[in-house]
Each structure stands twice: as structure tokens, then as C-alpha cells.
Amino acid sequence: MKKQQLGFELSIFDTSDELSKEEKKVLEAAEAARNNAYAPYSNFYVGAAVLLENGEIIIGNNQENASYPSGLCAERVAVFQAGAQFPGVTIVSIAISAAAKEHLLDVPAAPCGNCRQSIIEYEQRQKKPIALLMKAEKGPVYACSSVADILPLAFSSSFLGDS
């Protein structure tokens, strides 16, 4: 038997002041998007902002529905919107901002499994990593250099016979 440990490097910034100007801008866009999220059922508000290689920033926020499976997470709203508006343009990074109505979040929320899978497909298609920035209302900013870091052993089209 052979064992291999999987892991990744996570950068933790005490405040967003430690980020580059570009990173701050995309994180601020995610925070603004969060403020317009439609989350009357979970009371958990998420905003996402996708930075494209052409400099465009595309936002998304979670959109809930009384029929829970019909809602959509902020990350997928932003990524799918970017893909629809700017097909073929490389995604450089995604910033995610989360807040809860009933309590103060001080630890960033990472994308859910469905969002990770959706984002990694874009990363695989463009053959370039998509960096993640994650922040709660207060507290540190988490950053990693690739969605693949937080989704090891990801499912891909290669399992379906695509090369």
C-alpha cells in the first residue's frame, strides 16, 4: 500500500489592507454584491466577484428560493455570468464575502462543493489557476492560488472519455 498526503498552502491576511490594489477592488465588489443577496430563508448572505483577465469584474450573490434546490450560490452566479458575458476570457480570481443575519462571522466561508466543482471546470478549461480570496464581515482574509487546492481529486471531463 502506498499513501500520499494531500494539502495546500493557505495565506491568511490579518486585514484587507495587506492585499494588492487589484485584490482589494475585487474583494470590495464581492462585499457590495453580498449586500444585495436574496437570502430570506437561510439568512446567510454571500457575494462573489470574478476578476477576468481583461480587467472586467463580474459580480454575483446567492439567490434563494422557497423550493431550496432552485436557488443558486453567489459563486456560480458570478462564474456563469462571466462565462455568458465574456466566453473564452480567462478568470484570474474569485473573491467571496459572507455574512450571517443572526451572528457575526469572523471566519471566511469557502465555496460549497457544488461551487468548487463548477469553478474547477472553468479552471480546467482555461488551463490556468483561479485564485480565491475569502472574507467574512470581520476577521482575516484567506487566499489560495487555485481552486484545485481546495478540491483535490476533482472530477473532470476525462472521466467521461474526453481528453
Protein backbone atom coordinates (compact mmCIF):
# COMPACT_ATOMS: atom_id res chain seq x y z
CA MET A 1 0.00 0.00 0.00
CA LYS A 2 1.15 3.48 -0.84
CA LYS A 3 -0.02 6.62 0.98
CA GLN A 4 0.11 10.19 -0.18
CA GLN A 5 -0.87 13.24 1.81
CA LEU A 6 -2.78 15.98 0.03
CA GLY A 7 -2.63 19.57 1.18
CA PHE A 8 -2.33 23.16 0.10
CA GLU A 9 -0.96 26.48 1.17
CA LEU A 10 -3.42 28.99 2.59
CA SER A 11 -2.36 32.59 3.02
CA ILE A 12 -4.03 34.41 5.90
CA PHE A 13 -4.02 38.20 5.88
CA ASP A 14 -4.99 39.95 9.10
CA THR A 15 -6.78 42.68 7.16
CA SER A 16 -7.58 43.52 3.56
CA ASP A 17 -5.04 46.36 3.82
CA GLU A 18 -2.37 43.72 3.19
CA LEU A 19 -3.83 42.89 -0.23
CA SER A 20 -2.83 44.37 -3.56
CA LYS A 21 -4.92 47.18 -5.02
CA GLU A 22 -6.44 44.74 -7.54
CA GLU A 23 -7.27 42.18 -4.83
CA LYS A 24 -8.90 44.85 -2.66
CA LYS A 25 -11.00 46.00 -5.60
CA VAL A 26 -12.38 42.55 -6.36
CA LEU A 27 -12.99 41.84 -2.66
CA GLU A 28 -14.87 45.14 -2.29
CA ALA A 29 -17.02 44.17 -5.29
CA ALA A 30 -17.83 40.85 -3.58
CA GLU A 31 -18.78 42.67 -0.37
CA ALA A 32 -21.06 45.05 -2.28
CA ALA A 33 -22.69 42.11 -4.08
CA ARG A 34 -23.25 40.38 -0.73
CA ASN A 35 -25.33 43.33 0.43
CA ASN A 36 -27.83 42.63 -2.37
CA ALA A 37 -28.10 38.87 -1.87
CA TYR A 38 -31.58 37.36 -1.67
CA ALA A 39 -31.41 35.02 1.34
CA PRO A 40 -34.71 35.21 3.26
CA TYR A 41 -34.62 31.52 4.21
CA SER A 42 -31.05 30.89 5.36
CA ASN A 43 -30.25 34.48 6.40
CA PHE A 44 -26.74 33.72 5.13
CA TYR A 45 -25.62 36.33 2.61
CA VAL A 46 -22.85 35.69 0.11
CA GLY A 47 -21.38 37.89 -2.58
CA ALA A 48 -18.84 36.87 -5.19
CA ALA A 49 -16.78 38.83 -7.68
CA VAL A 50 -14.91 37.31 -10.60
CA LEU A 51 -11.88 39.16 -11.95
CA LEU A 52 -11.30 38.47 -15.63
CA GLU A 53 -8.02 38.74 -17.49
CA ASN A 54 -9.42 41.68 -19.47
CA GLY A 55 -9.92 43.64 -16.20
CA GLU A 56 -13.70 43.20 -16.03
CA ILE A 57 -15.23 42.33 -12.67
CA ILE A 58 -18.43 40.29 -12.74
CA ILE A 59 -20.48 40.01 -9.55
CA GLY A 60 -22.97 37.51 -8.22
CA ASN A 61 -24.81 36.85 -4.98
CA ASN A 62 -26.80 34.00 -3.57
CA GLN A 63 -30.37 33.80 -4.82
CA GLU A 64 -32.60 31.60 -2.66
CA ASN A 65 -35.98 30.14 -3.46
CA ALA A 66 -38.68 28.59 -1.27
CA SER A 67 -38.04 25.42 -3.27
CA TYR A 68 -34.49 25.12 -1.93
CA PRO A 69 -32.85 23.24 -4.83
CA SER A 70 -33.97 26.05 -7.15
CA GLY A 71 -31.66 28.62 -5.54
CA LEU A 72 -28.13 29.35 -6.66
CA CYS A 73 -24.94 30.23 -4.81
CA ALA A 74 -23.13 33.54 -5.36
CA GLU A 75 -20.00 31.91 -6.77
CA ARG A 76 -21.88 30.07 -9.52
CA VAL A 77 -23.98 33.14 -10.34
CA ALA A 78 -20.77 35.14 -10.87
CA VAL A 79 -18.83 32.45 -12.73
CA PHE A 80 -21.72 31.55 -15.03
CA GLN A 81 -22.41 35.23 -15.72
CA ALA A 82 -18.73 35.74 -16.59
CA GLY A 83 -18.86 32.74 -18.91
CA ALA A 84 -22.01 34.06 -20.58
CA GLN A 85 -20.83 37.67 -20.99
CA PHE A 86 -17.18 37.00 -21.78
CA PRO A 87 -16.84 33.49 -23.24
CA GLY A 88 -13.25 32.38 -23.53
CA VAL A 89 -11.85 35.16 -21.32
CA THR A 90 -9.65 33.76 -18.56
CA ILE A 91 -10.84 34.03 -14.96
CA VAL A 92 -7.96 35.32 -12.83
CA SER A 93 -9.57 35.19 -9.39
CA ILE A 94 -12.78 34.97 -7.42
CA ALA A 95 -13.43 36.91 -4.22
CA ILE A 96 -16.11 35.67 -1.83
CA SER A 97 -17.67 37.62 1.03
CA ALA A 98 -20.10 36.07 3.53
CA ALA A 99 -22.25 37.41 6.38
CA ALA A 100 -24.98 35.99 8.60
CA LYS A 101 -28.02 37.86 9.85
CA GLU A 102 -28.14 36.31 13.33
CA HIS A 103 -24.44 36.33 14.26
CA LEU A 104 -21.18 38.00 13.30
CA LEU A 105 -18.97 35.92 11.03
CA ASP A 106 -15.28 36.28 11.78
CA VAL A 107 -14.01 33.33 9.71
CA PRO A 108 -14.34 33.26 5.91
CA ALA A 109 -16.69 30.76 4.27
CA ALA A 110 -15.22 28.72 1.42
CA PRO A 111 -17.28 27.74 -1.62
CA CYS A 112 -19.61 24.75 -1.21
CA GLY A 113 -18.90 21.51 -3.05
CA ASN A 114 -21.18 22.35 -5.99
CA CYS A 115 -19.45 25.70 -6.47
CA ARG A 116 -16.00 24.15 -6.20
CA GLN A 117 -16.89 21.67 -8.92
CA SER A 118 -18.31 24.40 -11.17
CA ILE A 119 -15.31 26.68 -10.68
CA ILE A 120 -12.74 23.93 -11.21
CA GLU A 121 -14.26 23.09 -14.58
CA TYR A 122 -13.52 26.67 -15.67
CA GLU A 123 -10.01 26.30 -14.27
CA GLN A 124 -9.51 23.04 -16.17
CA ARG A 125 -10.89 24.51 -19.42
CA GLN A 126 -8.68 27.59 -19.30
CA LYS A 127 -5.63 25.62 -18.14
CA LYS A 128 -4.75 28.38 -15.68
CA PRO A 129 -5.37 28.51 -11.94
CA ILE A 130 -8.17 30.61 -10.47
CA ALA A 131 -7.08 32.26 -7.21
CA LEU A 132 -9.54 32.53 -4.33
CA LEU A 133 -9.98 35.36 -1.83
CA MET A 134 -12.39 34.71 1.03
CA LYS A 135 -13.54 37.09 3.76
CA ALA A 136 -16.23 37.28 6.40
CA GLU A 137 -17.68 40.50 7.81
CA LYS A 138 -14.74 40.80 10.20
CA GLY A 139 -11.52 38.96 10.66
CA PRO A 140 -8.84 37.73 8.31
CA VAL A 141 -8.79 37.28 4.55
CA TYR A 142 -7.99 33.77 3.34
CA ALA A 143 -6.29 33.32 -0.03
CA CYS A 144 -5.20 30.33 -2.05
CA SER A 145 -3.72 30.21 -5.52
CA SER A 146 -6.03 27.67 -7.15
CA VAL A 147 -9.48 26.16 -6.80
CA ALA A 148 -7.76 22.80 -7.29
CA ASP A 149 -6.14 23.36 -3.89
CA ILE A 150 -9.48 23.11 -2.12
CA LEU A 151 -10.84 20.35 -4.37
CA PRO A 152 -8.20 17.65 -4.64
CA LEU A 153 -9.05 14.64 -6.80
CA ALA A 154 -11.63 16.71 -8.69
CA PHE A 155 -14.00 15.11 -11.15
CA SER A 156 -13.31 16.17 -14.73
CA SER A 157 -14.49 15.52 -18.26
CA SER A 158 -11.66 13.00 -18.63
CA PHE A 159 -13.77 10.54 -16.63
CA LEU A 160 -16.42 10.84 -19.35
CA GLY A 161 -13.95 9.92 -22.09
CA ASP A 162 -13.00 13.47 -23.09
CA SER A 163 -9.32 14.20 -23.43
